Amino acid sequence: MPSNHGHSPSKKGEDVVWVHSQTPDGEGLNVVRKRGDEVSFGQVRRVVEGKPILGELVALRPREDAPRFFDVEVLHAGTTTGREGPPQVSTPAYRHGWAEVFGPKKKRAASSALN
């Protein structure tokens, strides 16, 4: 990979983060990210086996000329859902209850007694 020395902050298509501070729990870092013309705030954390990855999986490469700036390489784009709102959770108990309320009507045995 070529040297990072000489990057200009206004370079089109540049993806860089500035490490601002440590997260309150001490497990990650608060960062400001500039990707092209877009600026965003976020956190970076180590990947832990068995824990879900929230957002993108990235590799950070330190810049020689600025110790708190890192070039970003996206290793895996974050997954996005095609909808808005809270997640839809459907457990077996929920599906059973749904079927009881909204499912096909059960035929009742004919009763000769009225009330």
PDB file of N, CA and C in Angstrom:
ATOM      1  N   MET A   1       0.850  -1.177   0.000  1.00  0.00           N
ATOM      2  CA  MET A   1       0.000   0.000   0.000  1.00  0.00           C
ATOM      3  C   MET A   1       0.891   1.235   0.000  1.00  0.00           C
ATOM      4  N   PRO A   2       0.571   2.246  -0.789  1.00  0.00           N
ATOM      5  CA  PRO A   2       1.395   3.438  -0.822  1.00  0.00           C
ATOM      6  C   PRO A   2       1.364   4.177   0.505  1.00  0.00           C
ATOM      7  N   SER A   3       2.362   4.997   0.707  1.00  0.00           N
ATOM      8  CA  SER A   3       2.460   5.780   1.937  1.00  0.00           C
ATOM      9  C   SER A   3       1.261   6.711   2.078  1.00  0.00           C
ATOM     10  N   ASN A   4       0.812   6.897   3.301  1.00  0.00           N
ATOM     11  CA  ASN A   4      -0.319   7.780   3.572  1.00  0.00           C
ATOM     12  C   ASN A   4       0.103   9.240   3.623  1.00  0.00           C
ATOM     13  N   HIS A   5       1.403   9.490   3.645  1.00  0.00           N
ATOM     14  CA  HIS A   5       1.905  10.855   3.758  1.00  0.00           C
ATOM     15  C   HIS A   5       1.510  11.656   2.524  1.00  0.00           C
ATOM     16  N   GLY A   6       0.989  12.847   2.733  1.00  0.00           N
ATOM     17  CA  GLY A   6       0.626  13.695   1.613  1.00  0.00           C
ATOM     18  C   GLY A   6      -0.849  13.693   1.279  1.00  0.00           C
ATOM     19  N   HIS A   7      -1.684  12.945   2.036  1.00  0.00           N
ATOM     20  CA  HIS A   7      -3.131  12.984   1.788  1.00  0.00           C
ATOM     21  C   HIS A   7      -3.657  14.364   2.117  1.00  0.00           C
ATOM     22  N   SER A   8      -4.547  14.860   1.291  1.00  0.00           N
ATOM     23  CA  SER A   8      -5.180  16.138   1.605  1.00  0.00           C
ATOM     24  C   SER A   8      -6.580  15.870   2.125  1.00  0.00           C
ATOM     25  N   PRO A   9      -7.050  16.584   3.159  1.00  0.00           N
ATOM     26  CA  PRO A   9      -8.362  16.334   3.739  1.00  0.00           C
ATOM     27  C   PRO A   9      -9.514  16.511   2.765  1.00  0.00           C
ATOM     28  N   SER A  10      -9.336  17.264   1.685  1.00  0.00           N
ATOM     29  CA  SER A  10     -10.442  17.505   0.766  1.00  0.00           C
ATOM     30  C   SER A  10     -10.453  16.533  -0.411  1.00  0.00           C
ATOM     31  N   LYS A  11      -9.596  15.521  -0.373  1.00  0.00           N
ATOM     32  CA  LYS A  11      -9.514  14.564  -1.478  1.00  0.00           C
ATOM     33  C   LYS A  11     -10.851  13.848  -1.668  1.00  0.00           C
ATOM     34  N   LYS A  12     -11.365  13.841  -2.894  1.00  0.00           N
ATOM     35  CA  LYS A  12     -12.654  13.220  -3.215  1.00  0.00           C
ATOM     36  C   LYS A  12     -12.553  11.708  -3.035  1.00  0.00           C
ATOM     37  N   GLY A  13     -13.546  11.092  -2.399  1.00  0.00           N
ATOM     38  CA  GLY A  13     -13.565   9.654  -2.210  1.00  0.00           C
ATOM     39  C   GLY A  13     -12.728   9.181  -1.031  1.00  0.00           C
ATOM     40  N   GLU A  14     -12.135  10.094  -0.301  1.00  0.00           N
ATOM     41  CA  GLU A  14     -11.305   9.742   0.839  1.00  0.00           C
ATOM     42  C   GLU A  14     -12.189   9.242   1.984  1.00  0.00           C
ATOM     43  N   ASP A  15     -11.710   8.234   2.704  1.00  0.00           N
ATOM     44  CA  ASP A  15     -12.426   7.679   3.848  1.00  0.00           C
ATOM     45  C   ASP A  15     -11.450   7.676   5.019  1.00  0.00           C
ATOM     46  N   VAL A  16     -11.691   8.549   5.988  1.00  0.00           N
ATOM     47  CA  VAL A  16     -10.753   8.716   7.096  1.00  0.00           C
ATOM     48  C   VAL A  16     -11.518   8.930   8.397  1.00  0.00           C
ATOM     49  N   VAL A  17     -10.939   8.457   9.523  1.00  0.00           N
ATOM     50  CA  VAL A  17     -11.538   8.711  10.837  1.00  0.00           C
ATOM     51  C   VAL A  17     -10.538   9.446  11.716  1.00  0.00           C
ATOM     52  N   TRP A  18     -11.082  10.249  12.611  1.00  0.00           N
ATOM     53  CA  TRP A  18     -10.307  10.927  13.639  1.00  0.00           C
ATOM     54  C   TRP A  18     -10.783  10.374  14.969  1.00  0.00           C
ATOM     55  N   VAL A  19      -9.854   9.837  15.756  1.00  0.00           N
ATOM     56  CA  VAL A  19     -10.193   9.277  17.061  1.00  0.00           C
ATOM     57  C   VAL A  19     -10.347  10.425  18.045  1.00  0.00           C
ATOM     58  N   HIS A  20     -11.565  10.540  18.579  1.00  0.00           N
ATOM     59  CA  HIS A  20     -11.894  11.646  19.477  1.00  0.00           C
ATOM     60  C   HIS A  20     -11.588  11.300  20.928  1.00  0.00           C
ATOM     61  N   SER A  21     -12.154  10.202  21.421  1.00  0.00           N
ATOM     62  CA  SER A  21     -12.004   9.839  22.832  1.00  0.00           C
ATOM     63  C   SER A  21     -12.401   8.380  23.020  1.00  0.00           C
ATOM     64  N   GLN A  22     -12.233   7.897  24.233  1.00  0.00           N
ATOM     65  CA  GLN A  22     -12.638   6.542  24.566  1.00  0.00           C
ATOM     66  C   GLN A  22     -14.132   6.526  24.898  1.00  0.00           C
ATOM     67  N   THR A  23     -14.811   5.403  24.615  1.00  0.00           N
ATOM     68  CA  THR A  23     -16.228   5.270  24.963  1.00  0.00           C
ATOM     69  C   THR A  23     -16.363   5.194  26.489  1.00  0.00           C
ATOM     70  N   PRO A  24     -17.544   5.540  27.040  1.00  0.00           N
ATOM     71  CA  PRO A  24     -17.724   5.515  28.499  1.00  0.00           C
ATOM     72  C   PRO A  24     -17.422   4.157  29.136  1.00  0.00           C
ATOM     73  N   ASP A  25     -17.707   3.056  28.417  1.00  0.00           N
ATOM     74  CA  ASP A  25     -17.437   1.734  28.984  1.00  0.00           C
ATOM     75  C   ASP A  25     -15.977   1.305  28.812  1.00  0.00           C
ATOM     76  N   GLY A  26     -15.183   2.106  28.104  1.00  0.00           N
ATOM     77  CA  GLY A  26     -13.771   1.799  27.918  1.00  0.00           C
ATOM     78  C   GLY A  26     -13.477   0.712  26.903  1.00  0.00           C
ATOM     79  N   GLU A  27     -14.499   0.209  26.223  1.00  0.00           N
ATOM     80  CA  GLU A  27     -14.334  -0.900  25.284  1.00  0.00           C
ATOM     81  C   GLU A  27     -14.163  -0.459  23.837  1.00  0.00           C
ATOM     82  N   GLY A  28     -14.320   0.821  23.548  1.00  0.00           N
ATOM     83  CA  GLY A  28     -14.229   1.292  22.166  1.00  0.00           C
ATOM     84  C   GLY A  28     -13.737   2.725  22.110  1.00  0.00           C
ATOM     85  N   LEU A  29     -13.799   3.287  20.903  1.00  0.00           N
ATOM     86  CA  LEU A  29     -13.361   4.659  20.684  1.00  0.00           C
ATOM     87  C   LEU A  29     -14.447   5.447  19.973  1.00  0.00           C
ATOM     88  N   ASN A  30     -14.655   6.685  20.393  1.00  0.00           N
ATOM     89  CA  ASN A  30     -15.553   7.602  19.690  1.00  0.00           C
ATOM     90  C   ASN A  30     -14.765   8.217  18.545  1.00  0.00           C
ATOM     91  N   VAL A  31     -15.374   8.252  17.363  1.00  0.00           N
ATOM     92  CA  VAL A  31     -14.667   8.753  16.185  1.00  0.00           C
ATOM     93  C   VAL A  31     -15.545   9.699  15.382  1.00  0.00           C
ATOM     94  N   VAL A  32     -14.880  10.526  14.593  1.00  0.00           N
ATOM     95  CA  VAL A  32     -15.534  11.348  13.582  1.00  0.00           C
ATOM     96  C   VAL A  32     -15.025  10.801  12.257  1.00  0.00           C
ATOM     97  N   ARG A  33     -15.945  10.464  11.348  1.00  0.00           N
ATOM     98  CA  ARG A  33     -15.577   9.856  10.070  1.00  0.00           C
ATOM     99  C   ARG A  33     -15.948  10.779   8.930  1.00  0.00           C
ATOM    100  N   LYS A  34     -15.003  10.954   8.011  1.00  0.00           N
ATOM    101  CA  LYS A  34     -15.252  11.734   6.805  1.00  0.00           C
ATOM    102  C   LYS A  34     -15.089  10.793   5.623  1.00  0.00           C
ATOM    103  N   ARG A  35     -16.199  10.584   4.930  1.00  0.00           N
ATOM    104  CA  ARG A  35     -16.213   9.709   3.755  1.00  0.00           C
ATOM    105  C   ARG A  35     -16.685  10.559   2.589  1.00  0.00           C
ATOM    106  N   GLY A  36     -15.756  10.915   1.706  1.00  0.00           N
ATOM    107  CA  GLY A  36     -16.101  11.819   0.614  1.00  0.00           C
ATOM    108  C   GLY A  36     -16.497  13.164   1.195  1.00  0.00           C
ATOM    109  N   ASP A  37     -17.712  13.621   0.888  1.00  0.00           N
ATOM    110  CA  ASP A  37     -18.208  14.899   1.410  1.00  0.00           C
ATOM    111  C   ASP A  37     -19.071  14.727   2.655  1.00  0.00           C
ATOM    112  N   GLU A  38     -19.253  13.495   3.124  1.00  0.00           N
ATOM    113  CA  GLU A  38     -20.133  13.206   4.257  1.00  0.00           C
ATOM    114  C   GLU A  38     -19.326  13.066   5.548  1.00  0.00           C
ATOM    115  N   VAL A  39     -19.801  13.707   6.616  1.00  0.00           N
ATOM    116  CA  VAL A  39     -19.166  13.607   7.930  1.00  0.00           C
ATOM    117  C   VAL A  39     -20.156  12.941   8.879  1.00  0.00           C
ATOM    118  N   SER A  40     -19.682  11.953   9.655  1.00  0.00           N
ATOM    119  CA  SER A  40     -20.558  11.272  10.603  1.00  0.00           C
ATOM    120  C   SER A  40     -19.795  10.987  11.894  1.00  0.00           C
ATOM    121  N   PHE A  41     -20.549  10.730  12.957  1.00  0.00           N
ATOM    122  CA  PHE A  41     -19.989  10.413  14.260  1.00  0.00           C
ATOM    123  C   PHE A  41     -20.320   8.965  14.566  1.00  0.00           C
ATOM    124  N   GLY A  42     -19.432   8.280  15.260  1.00  0.00           N
ATOM    125  CA  GLY A  42     -19.702   6.891  15.586  1.00  0.00           C
ATOM    126  C   GLY A  42     -18.701   6.340  16.577  1.00  0.00           C
ATOM    127  N   GLN A  43     -18.689   5.014  16.665  1.00  0.00           N
ATOM    128  CA  GLN A  43     -17.774   4.312  17.554  1.00  0.00           C
ATOM    129  C   GLN A  43     -17.124   3.175  16.795  1.00  0.00           C
ATOM    130  N   VAL A  44     -15.907   2.848  17.188  1.00  0.00           N
ATOM    131  CA  VAL A  44     -15.248   1.645  16.688  1.00  0.00           C
ATOM    132  C   VAL A  44     -14.954   0.768  17.893  1.00  0.00           C
ATOM    133  N   ARG A  45     -15.135  -0.529  17.686  1.00  0.00           N
ATOM    134  CA  ARG A  45     -14.895  -1.512  18.744  1.00  0.00           C
ATOM    135  C   ARG A  45     -14.220  -2.725  18.138  1.00  0.00           C
ATOM    136  N   ARG A  46     -13.524  -3.473  18.976  1.00  0.00           N
ATOM    137  CA  ARG A  46     -12.893  -4.712  18.521  1.00  0.00           C
ATOM    138  C   ARG A  46     -13.973  -5.740  18.199  1.00  0.00           C
ATOM    139  N   VAL A  47     -13.669  -6.593  17.242  1.00  0.00           N
ATOM    140  CA  VAL A  47     -14.566  -7.694  16.909  1.00  0.00           C
ATOM    141  C   VAL A  47     -14.384  -8.766  17.980  1.00  0.00           C
ATOM    142  N   VAL A  48     -15.494  -9.239  18.552  1.00  0.00           N
ATOM    143  CA  VAL A  48     -15.455 -10.268  19.581  1.00  0.00           C
ATOM    144  C   VAL A  48     -16.228 -11.475  19.069  1.00  0.00           C
ATOM    145  N   GLU A  49     -15.593 -12.643  19.120  1.00  0.00           N
ATOM    146  CA  GLU A  49     -16.243 -13.858  18.638  1.00  0.00           C
ATOM    147  C   GLU A  49     -17.533 -14.108  19.413  1.00  0.00           C
ATOM    148  N   GLY A  50     -18.598 -14.392  18.677  1.00  0.00           N
ATOM    149  CA  GLY A  50     -19.891 -14.678  19.282  1.00  0.00           C
ATOM    150  C   GLY A  50     -20.786 -13.465  19.446  1.00  0.00           C
ATOM    151  N   LYS A  51     -20.246 -12.266  19.269  1.00  0.00           N
ATOM    152  CA  LYS A  51     -21.061 -11.050  19.372  1.00  0.00           C
ATOM    153  C   LYS A  51     -21.387 -10.548  17.971  1.00  0.00           C
ATOM    154  N   PRO A  52     -22.599 -10.021  17.772  1.00  0.00           N
ATOM    155  CA  PRO A  52     -22.959  -9.517  16.442  1.00  0.00           C
ATOM    156  C   PRO A  52     -22.150  -8.272  16.083  1.00  0.00           C
ATOM    157  N   ILE A  53     -21.938  -8.094  14.786  1.00  0.00           N
ATOM    158  CA  ILE A  53     -21.260  -6.904  14.285  1.00  0.00           C
ATOM    159  C   ILE A  53     -22.335  -5.896  13.929  1.00  0.00           C
ATOM    160  N   LEU A  54     -22.288  -4.743  14.567  1.00  0.00           N
ATOM    161  CA  LEU A  54     -23.257  -3.686  14.298  1.00  0.00           C
ATOM    162  C   LEU A  54     -22.601  -2.675  13.376  1.00  0.00           C
ATOM    163  N   GLY A  55     -23.080  -2.558  12.166  1.00  0.00           N
ATOM    164  CA  GLY A  55     -22.491  -1.625  11.206  1.00  0.00           C
ATOM    165  C   GLY A  55     -21.460  -2.304  10.339  1.00  0.00           C
ATOM    166  N   GLU A  56     -20.489  -1.532   9.895  1.00  0.00           N
ATOM    167  CA  GLU A  56     -19.474  -2.037   8.976  1.00  0.00           C
ATOM    168  C   GLU A  56     -18.312  -2.670   9.738  1.00  0.00           C
ATOM    169  N   LEU A  57     -17.637  -3.603   9.070  1.00  0.00           N
ATOM    170  CA  LEU A  57     -16.390  -4.160   9.572  1.00  0.00           C
ATOM    171  C   LEU A  57     -15.284  -3.434   8.824  1.00  0.00           C
ATOM    172  N   VAL A  58     -14.425  -2.726   9.550  1.00  0.00           N
ATOM    173  CA  VAL A  58     -13.405  -1.896   8.913  1.00  0.00           C
ATOM    174  C   VAL A  58     -12.024  -2.212   9.467  1.00  0.00           C
ATOM    175  N   ALA A  59     -11.018  -1.908   8.655  1.00  0.00           N
ATOM    176  CA  ALA A  59      -9.624  -1.945   9.093  1.00  0.00           C
ATOM    177  C   ALA A  59      -9.135  -0.504   9.093  1.00  0.00           C
ATOM    178  N   LEU A  60      -8.444  -0.115  10.148  1.00  0.00           N
ATOM    179  CA  LEU A  60      -7.926   1.248  10.261  1.00  0.00           C
ATOM    180  C   LEU A  60      -6.414   1.217  10.085  1.00  0.00           C
ATOM    181  N   ARG A  61      -5.911   2.079   9.219  1.00  0.00           N
ATOM    182  CA  ARG A  61      -4.483   2.184   8.966  1.00  0.00           C
ATOM    183  C   ARG A  61      -4.021   3.565   9.440  1.00  0.00           C
ATOM    184  N   PRO A  62      -3.086   3.614  10.409  1.00  0.00           N
ATOM    185  CA  PRO A  62      -2.652   4.912  10.937  1.00  0.00           C
ATOM    186  C   PRO A  62      -1.927   5.742   9.884  1.00  0.00           C
ATOM    187  N   ARG A  63      -2.114   7.033   9.971  1.00  0.00           N
ATOM    188  CA  ARG A  63      -1.412   7.964   9.079  1.00  0.00           C
ATOM    189  C   ARG A  63      -0.080   8.330   9.724  1.00  0.00           C
ATOM    190  N   GLU A  64       0.936   8.399   8.907  1.00  0.00           N
ATOM    191  CA  GLU A  64       2.268   8.705   9.418  1.00  0.00           C
ATOM    192  C   GLU A  64       2.356  10.133   9.937  1.00  0.00           C
ATOM    193  N   ASP A  65       1.657  11.047   9.289  1.00  0.00           N
ATOM    194  CA  ASP A  65       1.784  12.462   9.619  1.00  0.00           C
ATOM    195  C   ASP A  65       0.826  12.936  10.707  1.00  0.00           C
ATOM    196  N   ALA A  66      -0.149  12.117  11.105  1.00  0.00           N
ATOM    197  CA  ALA A  66      -1.136  12.528  12.110  1.00  0.00           C
ATOM    198  C   ALA A  66      -1.551  11.299  12.918  1.00  0.00           C
ATOM    199  N   PRO A  67      -1.080  11.169  14.165  1.00  0.00           N
ATOM    200  CA  PRO A  67      -1.302   9.946  14.933  1.00  0.00           C
ATOM    201  C   PRO A  67      -2.753   9.641  15.295  1.00  0.00           C
ATOM    202  N   ARG A  68      -3.642  10.624  15.307  1.00  0.00           N
ATOM    203  CA  ARG A  68      -5.044  10.359  15.663  1.00  0.00           C
ATOM    204  C   ARG A  68      -5.940  10.193  14.441  1.00  0.00           C
ATOM    205  N   PHE A  69      -5.360  10.235  13.242  1.00  0.00           N
ATOM    206  CA  PHE A  69      -6.101  10.045  11.999  1.00  0.00           C
ATOM    207  C   PHE A  69      -5.769   8.679  11.415  1.00  0.00           C
ATOM    208  N   PHE A  70      -6.815   8.004  10.900  1.00  0.00           N
ATOM    209  CA  PHE A  70      -6.646   6.675  10.323  1.00  0.00           C
ATOM    210  C   PHE A  70      -7.372   6.608   8.991  1.00  0.00           C
ATOM    211  N   ASP A  71      -6.747   5.968   8.001  1.00  0.00           N
ATOM    212  CA  ASP A  71      -7.435   5.677   6.749  1.00  0.00           C
ATOM    213  C   ASP A  71      -8.304   4.456   6.983  1.00  0.00           C
ATOM    214  N   VAL A  72      -9.492   4.450   6.393  1.00  0.00           N
ATOM    215  CA  VAL A  72     -10.468   3.385   6.607  1.00  0.00           C
ATOM    216  C   VAL A  72     -10.531   2.494   5.380  1.00  0.00           C
ATOM    217  N   GLU A  73     -10.485   1.185   5.620  1.00  0.00           N
ATOM    218  CA  GLU A  73     -10.729   0.199   4.570  1.00  0.00           C
ATOM    219  C   GLU A  73     -11.941  -0.613   5.014  1.00  0.00           C
ATOM    220  N   VAL A  74     -13.013  -0.585   4.233  1.00  0.00           N
ATOM    221  CA  VAL A  74     -14.224  -1.330   4.573  1.00  0.00           C
ATOM    222  C   VAL A  74     -14.015  -2.779   4.157  1.00  0.00           C
ATOM    223  N   LEU A  75     -14.023  -3.694   5.145  1.00  0.00           N
ATOM    224  CA  LEU A  75     -13.845  -5.116   4.878  1.00  0.00           C
ATOM    225  C   LEU A  75     -15.172  -5.799   4.587  1.00  0.00           C
ATOM    226  N   HIS A  76     -16.224  -5.334   5.251  1.00  0.00           N
ATOM    227  CA  HIS A  76     -17.561  -5.896   5.040  1.00  0.00           C
ATOM    228  C   HIS A  76     -18.580  -4.792   5.293  1.00  0.00           C
ATOM    229  N   ALA A  77     -19.399  -4.516   4.291  1.00  0.00           N
ATOM    230  CA  ALA A  77     -20.430  -3.480   4.437  1.00  0.00           C
ATOM    231  C   ALA A  77     -21.476  -3.947   5.440  1.00  0.00           C
ATOM    232  N   GLY A  78     -21.990  -3.025   6.224  1.00  0.00           N
ATOM    233  CA  GLY A  78     -23.020  -3.357   7.196  1.00  0.00           C
ATOM    234  C   GLY A  78     -24.292  -3.802   6.506  1.00  0.00           C
ATOM    235  N   THR A  79     -25.022  -4.688   7.152  1.00  0.00           N
ATOM    236  CA  THR A  79     -26.286  -5.142   6.588  1.00  0.00           C
ATOM    237  C   THR A  79     -27.357  -4.107   6.860  1.00  0.00           C
ATOM    238  N   THR A  80     -28.240  -3.949   5.917  1.00  0.00           N
ATOM    239  CA  THR A  80     -29.352  -3.024   6.091  1.00  0.00           C
ATOM    240  C   THR A  80     -30.649  -3.777   5.886  1.00  0.00           C
ATOM    241  N   THR A  81     -31.638  -3.374   6.637  1.00  0.00           N
ATOM    242  CA  THR A  81     -32.957  -3.956   6.440  1.00  0.00           C
ATOM    243  C   THR A  81     -33.700  -3.091   5.443  1.00  0.00           C
ATOM    244  N   GLY A  82     -34.633  -3.664   4.749  1.00  0.00           N
ATOM    245  CA  GLY A  82     -35.380  -2.928   3.744  1.00  0.00           C
ATOM    246  C   GLY A  82     -36.609  -2.250   4.299  1.00  0.00           C
ATOM    247  N   ARG A  83     -36.635  -1.998   5.608  1.00  0.00           N
ATOM    248  CA  ARG A  83     -37.812  -1.414   6.217  1.00  0.00           C
ATOM    249  C   ARG A  83     -37.413  -0.511   7.367  1.00  0.00           C
ATOM    250  N   GLU A  84     -38.378   0.256   7.841  1.00  0.00           N
ATOM    251  CA  GLU A  84     -38.148   1.140   8.976  1.00  0.00           C
ATOM    252  C   GLU A  84     -38.914   0.609  10.173  1.00  0.00           C
ATOM    253  N   GLY A  85     -38.579   1.105  11.339  1.00  0.00           N
ATOM    254  CA  GLY A  85     -39.296   0.727  12.543  1.00  0.00           C
ATOM    255  C   GLY A  85     -38.553  -0.315  13.346  1.00  0.00           C
ATOM    256  N   PRO A  86     -39.180  -0.775  14.421  1.00  0.00           N
ATOM    257  CA  PRO A  86     -38.518  -1.742  15.298  1.00  0.00           C
ATOM    258  C   PRO A  86     -38.424  -3.113  14.633  1.00  0.00           C
ATOM    259  N   PRO A  87     -37.531  -3.959  15.128  1.00  0.00           N
ATOM    260  CA  PRO A  87     -37.403  -5.290  14.543  1.00  0.00           C
ATOM    261  C   PRO A  87     -38.666  -6.110  14.785  1.00  0.00           C
ATOM    262  N   GLN A  88     -38.974  -6.973  13.859  1.00  0.00           N
ATOM    263  CA  GLN A  88     -40.122  -7.860  13.994  1.00  0.00           C
ATOM    264  C   GLN A  88     -39.647  -9.173  14.607  1.00  0.00           C
ATOM    265  N   VAL A  89     -40.097  -9.448  15.820  1.00  0.00           N
ATOM    266  CA  VAL A  89     -39.694 -10.654  16.520  1.00  0.00           C
ATOM    267  C   VAL A  89     -40.888 -11.589  16.544  1.00  0.00           C
ATOM    268  N   SER A  90     -40.697 -12.793  16.059  1.00  0.00           N
ATOM    269  CA  SER A  90     -41.787 -13.752  16.002  1.00  0.00           C
ATOM    270  C   SER A  90     -41.338 -15.049  16.666  1.00  0.00           C
ATOM    271  N   THR A  91     -41.830 -15.287  17.873  1.00  0.00           N
ATOM    272  CA  THR A  91     -41.489 -16.504  18.604  1.00  0.00           C
ATOM    273  C   THR A  91     -42.557 -17.561  18.335  1.00  0.00           C
ATOM    274  N   PRO A  92     -42.278 -18.820  18.651  1.00  0.00           N
ATOM    275  CA  PRO A  92     -43.308 -19.857  18.483  1.00  0.00           C
ATOM    276  C   PRO A  92     -44.584 -19.546  19.271  1.00  0.00           C
ATOM    277  N   ALA A  93     -44.458 -19.004  20.478  1.00  0.00           N
ATOM    278  CA  ALA A  93     -45.644 -18.663  21.278  1.00  0.00           C
ATOM    279  C   ALA A  93     -46.452 -17.561  20.601  1.00  0.00           C
ATOM    280  N   TYR A  94     -45.764 -16.586  20.016  1.00  0.00           N
ATOM    281  CA  TYR A  94     -46.448 -15.502  19.311  1.00  0.00           C
ATOM    282  C   TYR A  94     -47.211 -16.061  18.112  1.00  0.00           C
ATOM    283  N   ARG A  95     -46.559 -16.919  17.333  1.00  0.00           N
ATOM    284  CA  ARG A  95     -47.221 -17.495  16.151  1.00  0.00           C
ATOM    285  C   ARG A  95     -48.424 -18.350  16.554  1.00  0.00           C
ATOM    286  N   HIS A  96     -48.305 -19.097  17.656  1.00  0.00           N
ATOM    287  CA  HIS A  96     -49.428 -19.922  18.121  1.00  0.00           C
ATOM    288  C   HIS A  96     -50.602 -19.025  18.531  1.00  0.00           C
ATOM    289  N   GLY A  97     -50.317 -17.966  19.265  1.00  0.00           N
ATOM    290  CA  GLY A  97     -51.369 -17.037  19.678  1.00  0.00           C
ATOM    291  C   GLY A  97     -52.024 -16.366  18.483  1.00  0.00           C
ATOM    292  N   TRP A  98     -51.220 -16.006  17.489  1.00  0.00           N
ATOM    293  CA  TRP A  98     -51.746 -15.382  16.269  1.00  0.00           C
ATOM    294  C   TRP A  98     -52.702 -16.343  15.572  1.00  0.00           C
ATOM    295  N   ALA A  99     -52.301 -17.596  15.460  1.00  0.00           N
ATOM    296  CA  ALA A  99     -53.142 -18.593  14.794  1.00  0.00           C
ATOM    297  C   ALA A  99     -54.439 -18.815  15.567  1.00  0.00           C
ATOM    298  N   GLU A 100     -54.374 -18.790  16.891  1.00  0.00           N
ATOM    299  CA  GLU A 100     -55.582 -18.971  17.702  1.00  0.00           C
ATOM    300  C   GLU A 100     -56.568 -17.829  17.484  1.00  0.00           C
ATOM    301  N   VAL A 101     -56.074 -16.616  17.370  1.00  0.00           N
ATOM    302  CA  VAL A 101     -56.944 -15.449  17.233  1.00  0.00           C
ATOM    303  C   VAL A 101     -57.388 -15.246  15.792  1.00  0.00           C
ATOM    304  N   PHE A 102     -56.459 -15.301  14.855  1.00  0.00           N
ATOM    305  CA  PHE A 102     -56.754 -14.929  13.475  1.00  0.00           C
ATOM    306  C   PHE A 102     -56.780 -16.103  12.500  1.00  0.00           C
ATOM    307  N   GLY A 103     -56.475 -17.295  12.972  1.00  0.00           N
ATOM    308  CA  GLY A 103     -56.432 -18.458  12.088  1.00  0.00           C
ATOM    309  C   GLY A 103     -57.825 -18.908  11.666  1.00  0.00           C
ATOM    310  N   PRO A 104     -57.880 -20.004  10.914  1.00  0.00           N
ATOM    311  CA  PRO A 104     -59.184 -20.506  10.458  1.00  0.00           C
ATOM    312  C   PRO A 104     -60.069 -20.883  11.651  1.00  0.00           C
ATOM    313  N   LYS A 105     -61.357 -20.654  11.493  1.00  0.00           N
ATOM    314  CA  LYS A 105     -62.313 -20.949  12.564  1.00  0.00           C
ATOM    315  C   LYS A 105     -62.479 -22.457  12.690  1.00  0.00           C
ATOM    316  N   LYS A 106     -62.490 -22.905  13.941  1.00  0.00           N
ATOM    317  CA  LYS A 106     -62.677 -24.332  14.205  1.00  0.00           C
ATOM    318  C   LYS A 106     -64.168 -24.629  14.251  1.00  0.00           C
ATOM    319  N   LYS A 107     -64.541 -25.757  13.689  1.00  0.00           N
ATOM    320  CA  LYS A 107     -65.950 -26.161  13.730  1.00  0.00           C
ATOM    321  C   LYS A 107     -66.247 -26.756  15.093  1.00  0.00           C
ATOM    322  N   ARG A 108     -67.348 -26.326  15.658  1.00  0.00           N
ATOM    323  CA  ARG A 108     -67.746 -26.821  16.971  1.00  0.00           C
ATOM    324  C   ARG A 108     -68.713 -27.980  16.796  1.00  0.00           C
ATOM    325  N   ALA A 109     -68.650 -28.903  17.722  1.00  0.00           N
ATOM    326  CA  ALA A 109     -69.577 -30.038  17.698  1.00  0.00           C
ATOM    327  C   ALA A 109     -70.984 -29.517  18.004  1.00  0.00           C
ATOM    328  N   ALA A 110     -71.947 -30.027  17.264  1.00  0.00           N
ATOM    329  CA  ALA A 110     -73.329 -29.587  17.464  1.00  0.00           C
ATOM    330  C   ALA A 110     -73.799 -30.018  18.848  1.00  0.00           C
ATOM    331  N   SER A 111     -74.419 -29.106  19.546  1.00  0.00           N
ATOM    332  CA  SER A 111     -74.913 -29.399  20.879  1.00  0.00           C
ATOM    333  C   SER A 111     -76.438 -29.346  20.850  1.00  0.00           C
ATOM    334  N   SER A 112     -77.053 -30.332  21.457  1.00  0.00           N
ATOM    335  CA  SER A 112     -78.512 -30.355  21.478  1.00  0.00           C
ATOM    336  C   SER A 112     -79.057 -29.477  22.600  1.00  0.00           C
ATOM    337  N   ALA A 113     -78.204 -29.140  23.536  1.00  0.00           N
ATOM    338  CA  ALA A 113     -78.673 -28.327  24.659  1.00  0.00           C
ATOM    339  C   ALA A 113     -78.416 -26.857  24.369  1.00  0.00           C
ATOM    340  N   LEU A 114     -79.395 -26.040  24.618  1.00  0.00           N
ATOM    341  CA  LEU A 114     -79.241 -24.603  24.491  1.00  0.00           C
ATOM    342  C   LEU A 114     -79.005 -24.045  25.884  1.00  0.00           C
ATOM    343  N   ASN A 115     -78.002 -23.354  26.076  1.00  0.00           N
ATOM    344  CA  ASN A 115     -77.621 -22.752  27.348  1.00  0.00           C
ATOM    345  C   ASN A 115     -77.879 -23.688  28.467  1.00  0.00           C
TER     346      ASN A 115
END
